[in-house]
C-alpha atoms as a PDB file:
ATOM      1  CA  MET A   1      92.067  80.732  85.396  1.00  0.00           C
ATOM      2  CA  GLU A   2      90.031  78.589  87.944  1.00  0.00           C
ATOM      3  CA  GLU A   3      86.652  77.129  87.946  1.00  0.00           C
ATOM      4  CA  ASN A   4      84.309  79.645  89.216  1.00  0.00           C
ATOM      5  CA  TRP A   5      82.631  77.136  91.368  1.00  0.00           C
ATOM      6  CA  ARG A   6      84.318  74.290  93.916  1.00  0.00           C
ATOM      7  CA  ASP A   7      82.639  72.519  95.713  1.00  0.00           C
ATOM      8  CA  ASN A   8      79.353  74.113  95.411  1.00  0.00           C
ATOM      9  CA  GLN A   9      80.856  77.754  96.542  1.00  0.00           C
ATOM     10  CA  PRO A  10      81.691  80.191  94.742  1.00  0.00           C
ATOM     11  CA  ASN A  11      86.216  80.333  94.202  1.00  0.00           C
ATOM     12  CA  VAL A  12      87.164  83.383  95.771  1.00  0.00           C
ATOM     13  CA  GLU A  13      90.823  82.023  96.142  1.00  0.00           C
ATOM     14  CA  SER A  14      92.080  84.915  94.301  1.00  0.00           C
ATOM     15  CA  LYS A  15      90.697  87.588  96.526  1.00  0.00           C
ATOM     16  CA  GLU A  16      92.172  88.969  99.169  1.00  0.00           C
ATOM     17  CA  ASP A  17      90.284  89.489 102.720  1.00  0.00           C
ATOM     18  CA  VAL A  18      89.753  93.116 101.893  1.00  0.00           C
ATOM     19  CA  GLU A  19      88.289  92.285  98.192  1.00  0.00           C
ATOM     20  CA  ARG A  20      85.926  90.289  99.949  1.00  0.00           C
ATOM     21  CA  LEU A  21      85.214  93.184 102.104  1.00  0.00           C
ATOM     22  CA  PHE A  22      84.428  95.229  98.858  1.00  0.00           C
ATOM     23  CA  PHE A  23      83.026  92.111  96.748  1.00  0.00           C
ATOM     24  CA  GLY A  24      81.519  89.778  98.796  1.00  0.00           C
ATOM     25  CA  ASP A  25      82.293  86.130  98.858  1.00  0.00           C
ATOM     26  CA  PHE A  26      80.883  85.781  94.904  1.00  0.00           C
ATOM     27  CA  ASN A  27      82.544  86.624  91.649  1.00  0.00           C
ATOM     28  CA  ALA A  28      81.013  89.182  89.703  1.00  0.00           C
ATOM     29  CA  PRO A  29      80.987  89.223  86.130  1.00  0.00           C
ATOM     30  CA  VAL A  30      83.512  92.250  85.976  1.00  0.00           C
ATOM     31  CA  GLU A  31      85.737  93.762  89.064  1.00  0.00           C
ATOM     32  CA  PHE A  32      88.559  95.921  89.300  1.00  0.00           C
ATOM     33  CA  PHE A  33      90.305  96.729  92.329  1.00  0.00           C
ATOM     34  CA  LEU A  34      92.484  99.348  93.203  1.00  0.00           C
ATOM     35  CA  SER A  35      95.198  98.891  96.205  1.00  0.00           C
ATOM     36  CA  HIS A  36      97.180 102.506  96.567  1.00  0.00           C
ATOM     37  CA  PRO A  37      98.892 104.208  99.236  1.00  0.00           C
ATOM     38  CA  LEU A  38      96.434 106.900  99.141  1.00  0.00           C
ATOM     39  CA  GLY A  39      93.153 104.396  99.514  1.00  0.00           C
ATOM     40  CA  LEU A  40      91.646 101.596  98.231  1.00  0.00           C
ATOM     41  CA  SER A  41      89.026 101.477  95.835  1.00  0.00           C
ATOM     42  CA  GLY A  42      87.189  99.523  93.049  1.00  0.00           C
ATOM     43  CA  PHE A  43      84.178  98.449  91.011  1.00  0.00           C
ATOM     44  CA  ARG A  44      82.139  95.773  89.594  1.00  0.00           C
ATOM     45  CA  MET A  45      79.615  95.185  87.299  1.00  0.00           C
ATOM     46  CA  VAL A  46      76.837  93.268  88.362  1.00  0.00           C
ATOM     47  CA  ARG A  47      72.985  92.260  87.165  1.00  0.00           C
ATOM     48  CA  ASP A  48      70.080  94.099  88.555  1.00  0.00           C
ATOM     49  CA  SER A  49      67.721  92.451  90.850  1.00  0.00           C
ATOM     50  CA  LEU A  50      65.237  91.285  87.860  1.00  0.00           C
ATOM     51  CA  ASN A  51      68.425  90.187  85.435  1.00  0.00           C
ATOM     52  CA  LEU A  52      66.999  92.893  83.005  1.00  0.00           C
ATOM     53  CA  SER A  53      70.313  95.213  82.609  1.00  0.00           C
ATOM     54  CA  TYR A  54      73.688  95.682  84.420  1.00  0.00           C
ATOM     55  CA  ILE A  55      74.848  97.986  87.170  1.00  0.00           C
ATOM     56  CA  LEU A  56      78.305  99.024  88.075  1.00  0.00           C
ATOM     57  CA  GLU A  57      78.859  99.299  91.663  1.00  0.00           C
ATOM     58  CA  VAL A  58      82.121 101.522  92.723  1.00  0.00           C
ATOM     59  CA  LYS A  59      83.657 101.404  96.125  1.00  0.00           C
ATOM     60  CA  TYR A  60      85.778 102.715  98.551  1.00  0.00           C
ATOM     61  CA  LEU A  61      86.787 103.345 101.776  1.00  0.00           C
ATOM     62  CA  SER A  62      85.465 106.468 103.958  1.00  0.00           C
ATOM     63  CA  ASN A  63      87.447 105.743 106.441  1.00  0.00           C
ATOM     64  CA  CYS A  64      90.984 104.716 105.762  1.00  0.00           C
ATOM     65  CA  ALA A  65      93.185 106.426 107.341  1.00  0.00           C
ATOM     66  CA  GLU A  66      91.186 106.465 110.695  1.00  0.00           C
ATOM     67  CA  ALA A  67      90.801 102.512 110.966  1.00  0.00           C
ATOM     68  CA  THR A  68      94.327 102.172 110.605  1.00  0.00           C
ATOM     69  CA  GLY A  69      94.938 104.725 112.979  1.00  0.00           C
ATOM     70  CA  GLU A  70      93.024 103.147 115.618  1.00  0.00           C
ATOM     71  CA  ALA A  71      94.035  99.607 114.882  1.00  0.00           C
ATOM     72  CA  GLY A  72      97.564 100.845 115.591  1.00  0.00           C
ATOM     73  CA  ARG A  73      96.732 102.579 118.697  1.00  0.00           C
ATOM     74  CA  ARG A  74      95.144  99.139 120.354  1.00  0.00           C
ATOM     75  CA  TYR A  75      97.843  97.119 119.031  1.00  0.00           C
ATOM     76  CA  PRO A  76     101.254  99.541 119.284  1.00  0.00           C
ATOM     77  CA  GLU A  77     104.594  98.423 117.489  1.00  0.00           C
ATOM     78  CA  ILE A  78     107.739  98.420 119.109  1.00  0.00           C
ATOM     79  CA  ARG A  79     110.861 100.746 117.855  1.00  0.00           C
ATOM     80  CA  ILE A  80     114.353  99.220 117.809  1.00  0.00           C
ATOM     81  CA  ILE A  81     116.340 101.666 119.316  1.00  0.00           C
ATOM     82  CA  ASP A  82     120.377 100.696 118.968  1.00  0.00           C
ATOM     83  CA  ASP A  83     121.945 100.931 122.129  1.00  0.00           C
ATOM     84  CA  PRO A  84     125.526 101.162 122.338  1.00  0.00           C
ATOM     85  CA  PHE A  85     126.351 100.478 126.366  1.00  0.00           C
ATOM     86  CA  VAL A  86     123.893  96.686 125.211  1.00  0.00           C
ATOM     87  CA  PRO A  87     126.583  94.054 123.953  1.00  0.00           C
ATOM     88  CA  THR A  88     125.927  93.051 120.380  1.00  0.00           C
ATOM     89  CA  GLU A  89     124.652  89.643 121.119  1.00  0.00           C
ATOM     90  CA  GLU A  90     121.546  90.973 123.675  1.00  0.00           C
ATOM     91  CA  MET A  91     121.072  93.461 121.122  1.00  0.00           C
ATOM     92  CA  LEU A  92     120.466  91.044 118.544  1.00  0.00           C
ATOM     93  CA  ARG A  93     118.173  88.959 120.485  1.00  0.00           C
ATOM     94  CA  ARG A  94     116.361  91.790 121.638  1.00  0.00           C
ATOM     95  CA  THR A  95     116.026  92.889 118.058  1.00  0.00           C
ATOM     96  CA  GLU A  96     114.724  89.009 117.317  1.00  0.00           C
ATOM     97  CA  GLU A  97     112.123  89.731 120.073  1.00  0.00           C
ATOM     98  CA  ILE A  98     110.731  92.694 118.567  1.00  0.00           C
ATOM     99  CA  HIS A  99     110.634  91.334 115.231  1.00  0.00           C
ATOM    100  CA  ARG A 100     108.658  88.468 116.423  1.00  0.00           C
ATOM    101  CA  HIS A 101     106.489  90.899 118.505  1.00  0.00           C
ATOM    102  CA  ASN A 102     105.628  93.236 115.614  1.00  0.00           C
ATOM    103  CA  ARG A 103     104.655  90.429 113.216  1.00  0.00           C
ATOM    104  CA  GLU A 104     102.455  89.179 115.648  1.00  0.00           C
ATOM    105  CA  VAL A 105     101.028  92.613 116.349  1.00  0.00           C
ATOM    106  CA  ARG A 106     101.074  93.549 112.637  1.00  0.00           C
ATOM    107  CA  ALA A 107      98.531  90.610 112.114  1.00  0.00           C
ATOM    108  CA  LYS A 108      96.231  91.508 114.980  1.00  0.00           C
ATOM    109  CA  GLN A 109      96.292  95.605 113.123  1.00  0.00           C
ATOM    110  CA  ARG A 110      95.065  93.906 110.130  1.00  0.00           C
ATOM    111  CA  GLU A 111      92.196  92.124 111.276  1.00  0.00           C
ATOM    112  CA  VAL A 112      90.938  95.274 113.635  1.00  0.00           C
ATOM    113  CA  ARG A 113      91.309  97.561 110.340  1.00  0.00           C
ATOM    114  CA  LEU A 114      88.861  94.982 108.439  1.00  0.00           C
ATOM    115  CA  GLN A 115      86.741  94.970 111.184  1.00  0.00           C
ATOM    116  CA  LEU A 116      86.108  98.935 111.193  1.00  0.00           C
ATOM    117  CA  LEU A 117      86.766  99.317 107.517  1.00  0.00           C
ATOM    118  CA  GLU A 118      83.470 101.305 105.907  1.00  0.00           C
ATOM    119  CA  VAL A 119      83.045 100.593 102.198  1.00  0.00           C
ATOM    120  CA  GLU A 120      81.103 103.072 100.342  1.00  0.00           C
ATOM    121  CA  THR A 121      78.542 102.099  97.225  1.00  0.00           C
ATOM    122  CA  LEU A 122      78.175 104.434  94.376  1.00  0.00           C
ATOM    123  CA  SER A 123      75.591 102.501  91.963  1.00  0.00           C
ATOM    124  CA  PHE A 124      75.532 103.627  88.151  1.00  0.00           C
ATOM    125  CA  SER A 125      73.060 101.758  85.564  1.00  0.00           C
ATOM    126  CA  ILE A 126      75.031 100.690  82.485  1.00  0.00           C
ATOM    127  CA  SER A 127      74.246  99.285  78.865  1.00  0.00           C
ATOM    128  CA  GLN A 128      74.573  95.762  78.102  1.00  0.00           C
ATOM    129  CA  LEU A 129      77.342  97.161  74.910  1.00  0.00           C
ATOM    130  CA  PHE A 130      79.170  99.075  77.804  1.00  0.00           C
ATOM    131  CA  PHE A 131      79.616  95.979  79.709  1.00  0.00           C
ATOM    132  CA  GLU A 132      80.379  93.534  77.016  1.00  0.00           C
ATOM    133  CA  LYS A 133      82.920  96.232  75.897  1.00  0.00           C
ATOM    134  CA  LEU A 134      84.807  96.537  78.942  1.00  0.00           C
ATOM    135  CA  GLN A 135      84.520  92.728  79.816  1.00  0.00           C
ATOM    136  CA  GLU A 136      86.205  92.067  76.182  1.00  0.00           C
ATOM    137  CA  LYS A 137      89.286  94.669  77.056  1.00  0.00           C
ATOM    138  CA  MET A 138      89.581  93.070  80.314  1.00  0.00           C
ATOM    139  CA  ALA A 139      89.679  89.424  79.490  1.00  0.00           C
ATOM    140  CA  ALA A 140      91.825  90.111  76.463  1.00  0.00           C
ATOM    141  CA  LEU A 141      94.316  92.045  78.673  1.00  0.00           C
ATOM    142  CA  ILE A 142      94.650  88.985  81.303  1.00  0.00           C
ATOM    143  CA  SER A 143      94.725  86.352  78.452  1.00  0.00           C
ATOM    144  CA  THR A 144      98.108  87.566  76.455  1.00  0.00           C
ATOM    145  CA  PHE A 145      99.465  89.202  79.769  1.00  0.00           C
ATOM    146  CA  GLU A 146     102.531  86.615  80.014  1.00  0.00           C
ATOM    147  CA  GLU A 147     102.964  86.619  76.196  1.00  0.00           C
ATOM    148  CA  GLU A 148     103.423  90.343  76.281  1.00  0.00           C
ATOM    149  CA  ASN A 149     104.963  91.040  79.022  1.00  0.00           C
ATOM    150  CA  PRO A 150     107.339  88.397  79.518  1.00  0.00           C
ATOM    151  CA  PHE A 151     109.156  87.735  82.947  1.00  0.00           C
ATOM    152  CA  PRO A 152     112.705  88.875  82.805  1.00  0.00           C
ATOM    153  CA  ASP A 153     115.551  86.442  82.296  1.00  0.00           C
ATOM    154  CA  THR A 154     116.301  85.599  86.270  1.00  0.00           C
ATOM    155  CA  PHE A 155     120.067  84.762  85.388  1.00  0.00           C
ATOM    156  CA  VAL A 156     122.639  87.362  83.991  1.00  0.00           C
ATOM    157  CA  PHE A 157     126.342  86.271  82.966  1.00  0.00           C
ATOM    158  CA  CYS A 158     128.970  88.089  84.928  1.00  0.00           C
ATOM    159  CA  PRO A 159     132.029  87.767  82.484  1.00  0.00           C
ATOM    160  CA  ILE A 160     134.200  88.919  85.764  1.00  0.00           C
ATOM    161  CA  LEU A 161     133.555  85.611  87.609  1.00  0.00           C
ATOM    162  CA  ASN A 162     133.149  83.682  84.387  1.00  0.00           C
ATOM    163  CA  THR A 163     129.316  82.099  85.350  1.00  0.00           C
ATOM    164  CA  TYR A 164     125.935  82.603  86.133  1.00  0.00           C
ATOM    165  CA  LEU A 165     124.005  84.725  88.827  1.00  0.00           C
ATOM    166  CA  GLU A 166     120.804  85.364  89.525  1.00  0.00           C
ATOM    167  CA  THR A 167     119.303  88.434  89.506  1.00  0.00           C
ATOM    168  CA  VAL A 168     116.109  89.337  92.093  1.00  0.00           C
ATOM    169  CA  VAL A 169     114.122  92.206  91.004  1.00  0.00           C
ATOM    170  CA  VAL A 170     112.483  94.239  94.264  1.00  0.00           C
ATOM    171  CA  SER A 171     109.533  97.009  93.898  1.00  0.00           C
ATOM    172  CA  PHE A 172     109.341  99.620  96.293  1.00  0.00           C
ATOM    173  CA  GLY A 173     106.169 101.718  96.378  1.00  0.00           C
ATOM    174  CA  GLY A 174     103.716 101.944  94.037  1.00  0.00           C
ATOM    175  CA  TYR A 175     100.576 100.553  93.803  1.00  0.00           C
ATOM    176  CA  SER A 176      98.914  97.136  92.403  1.00  0.00           C
ATOM    177  CA  VAL A 177      95.801  96.795  90.776  1.00  0.00           C
ATOM    178  CA  THR A 178      93.594  93.594  89.896  1.00  0.00           C
ATOM    179  CA  PHE A 179      91.651  92.497  87.167  1.00  0.00           C
ATOM    180  CA  ARG A 180      88.967  89.878  87.513  1.00  0.00           C
ATOM    181  CA  THR A 181      85.889  88.416  84.930  1.00  0.00           C
ATOM    182  CA  VAL A 182      84.154  85.376  84.499  1.00  0.00           C
ATOM    183  CA  VAL A 183      83.933  83.618  81.418  1.00  0.00           C
ATOM    184  CA  ASP A 184      82.224  80.419  80.178  1.00  0.00           C
ATOM    185  CA  ASP A 185      82.473  80.106  84.482  1.00  0.00           C
ATOM    186  CA  LYS A 186      85.868  80.479  84.530  1.00  0.00           C
ATOM    187  CA  VAL A 187      87.378  83.048  86.848  1.00  0.00           C
ATOM    188  CA  TRP A 188      90.103  85.344  85.030  1.00  0.00           C
ATOM    189  CA  SER A 189      92.626  87.085  87.735  1.00  0.00           C
ATOM    190  CA  LEU A 190      95.091  89.232  87.118  1.00  0.00           C
ATOM    191  CA  LEU A 191      97.094  90.919  89.835  1.00  0.00           C
ATOM    192  CA  ILE A 192      99.969  93.661  88.535  1.00  0.00           C
ATOM    193  CA  ASP A 193     102.052  95.921  90.861  1.00  0.00           C
ATOM    194  CA  ASN A 194     103.022  99.364  88.949  1.00  0.00           C
ATOM    195  CA  PRO A 195     100.837  98.152  85.822  1.00  0.00           C
ATOM    196  CA  GLN A 196     102.510  99.175  82.520  1.00  0.00           C
ATOM    197  CA  ASN A 197     101.505  99.086  78.706  1.00  0.00           C
ATOM    198  CA  ARG A 198      97.855  97.911  78.126  1.00  0.00           C
ATOM    199  CA  ALA A 199      97.407  97.323  81.738  1.00  0.00           C
ATOM    200  CA  LEU A 200      98.301 100.804  82.662  1.00  0.00           C
ATOM    201  CA  GLU A 201      96.053 102.086  79.963  1.00  0.00           C
ATOM    202  CA  LEU A 202      92.981 100.521  81.299  1.00  0.00           C
ATOM    203  CA  SER A 203      93.593 100.702  84.948  1.00  0.00           C
ATOM    204  CA  THR A 204      93.729 104.459  84.501  1.00  0.00           C
ATOM    205  CA  LEU A 205      90.573 104.521  82.838  1.00  0.00           C
ATOM    206  CA  PHE A 206      89.320 102.453  85.574  1.00  0.00           C
ATOM    207  CA  ARG A 207      90.860 104.759  88.328  1.00  0.00           C
ATOM    208  CA  GLN A 208      88.891 107.628  86.297  1.00  0.00           C
ATOM    209  CA  MET A 209      85.903 106.074  86.332  1.00  0.00           C
ATOM    210  CA  ILE A 210      85.936 105.372  89.865  1.00  0.00           C
ATOM    211  CA  GLU A 211      86.998 109.103  90.705  1.00  0.00           C
ATOM    212  CA  ASP A 212      84.290 110.627  88.133  1.00  0.00           C
ATOM    213  CA  ALA A 213      81.612 108.404  90.248  1.00  0.00           C
ATOM    214  CA  LYS A 214      82.765 109.941  93.453  1.00  0.00           C
ATOM    215  CA  VAL A 215      82.224 113.538  92.299  1.00  0.00           C
ATOM    216  CA  GLY A 216      78.938 112.668  90.291  1.00  0.00           C
ATOM    217  CA  GLU A 217      80.623 113.092  86.714  1.00  0.00           C
ATOM    218  CA  PHE A 218      80.070 109.347  85.448  1.00  0.00           C
ATOM    219  CA  ASP A 219      80.123 109.434  82.108  1.00  0.00           C
ATOM    220  CA  GLU A 220      79.642 106.339  80.149  1.00  0.00           C
ATOM    221  CA  GLU A 221      79.749 107.494  76.286  1.00  0.00           C
ATOM    222  CA  ARG A 222      83.262 109.066  76.910  1.00  0.00           C
ATOM    223  CA  TYR A 223      84.429 105.801  78.849  1.00  0.00           C
ATOM    224  CA  MET A 224      82.873 103.878  75.678  1.00  0.00           C
ATOM    225  CA  ASP A 225      84.966 105.819  73.207  1.00  0.00           C
ATOM    226  CA  ILE A 226      87.921 105.439  75.481  1.00  0.00           C
ATOM    227  CA  LEU A 227      87.533 101.653  75.310  1.00  0.00           C
ATOM    228  CA  SER A 228      86.815 101.683  71.290  1.00  0.00           C
ATOM    229  CA  ALA A 229      90.238 103.594  70.904  1.00  0.00           C
ATOM    230  CA  MET A 230      92.153 101.048  72.552  1.00  0.00           C
END
């Protein structure tokens, strides 16, 4: 939880570059961002231009694969090929140089990709009741997440060695979601990898809303019923 404004500027430190591409350099009252191997998408809820009602803006990329491919062509990575005829020390030196080259290249790829990405927007008028219910559920999830999902103990006892060992939890693949809302001029933000429990329930609904919007089947009444039943 942080101040929504800092040094007379919107505080967007919790946003990655691609989120700023989606949502701009300010925090909407409600934002949801999905980072999935199949693509990036999300939505935000904002007031209309007359400040009389709410608009839900669904955001998704129309050229993710193309932008990624073009960035890779402009700045190709080097593959590491094991050569049994090269001495070990020389192979290690070459490998380190390739790793350093690829790290630099990936940074340039990210910059190019960000420049090439095209964000599509679909806008829907929504009721204040729907906005308030969705924001309520999101704020409740963020405010109680750590209490309901405590981090596992990083030390476990090993009877063979008769001592405690530190464990490391590593997550491979999957997807991540970001929930963000502004409450009393504070920005609440929660990033979760592979959500579970209530976070999964809410993110599943939000993903369905995005997919429905993309095929012209956005249904506020149905989503409201689901939110009310949570």
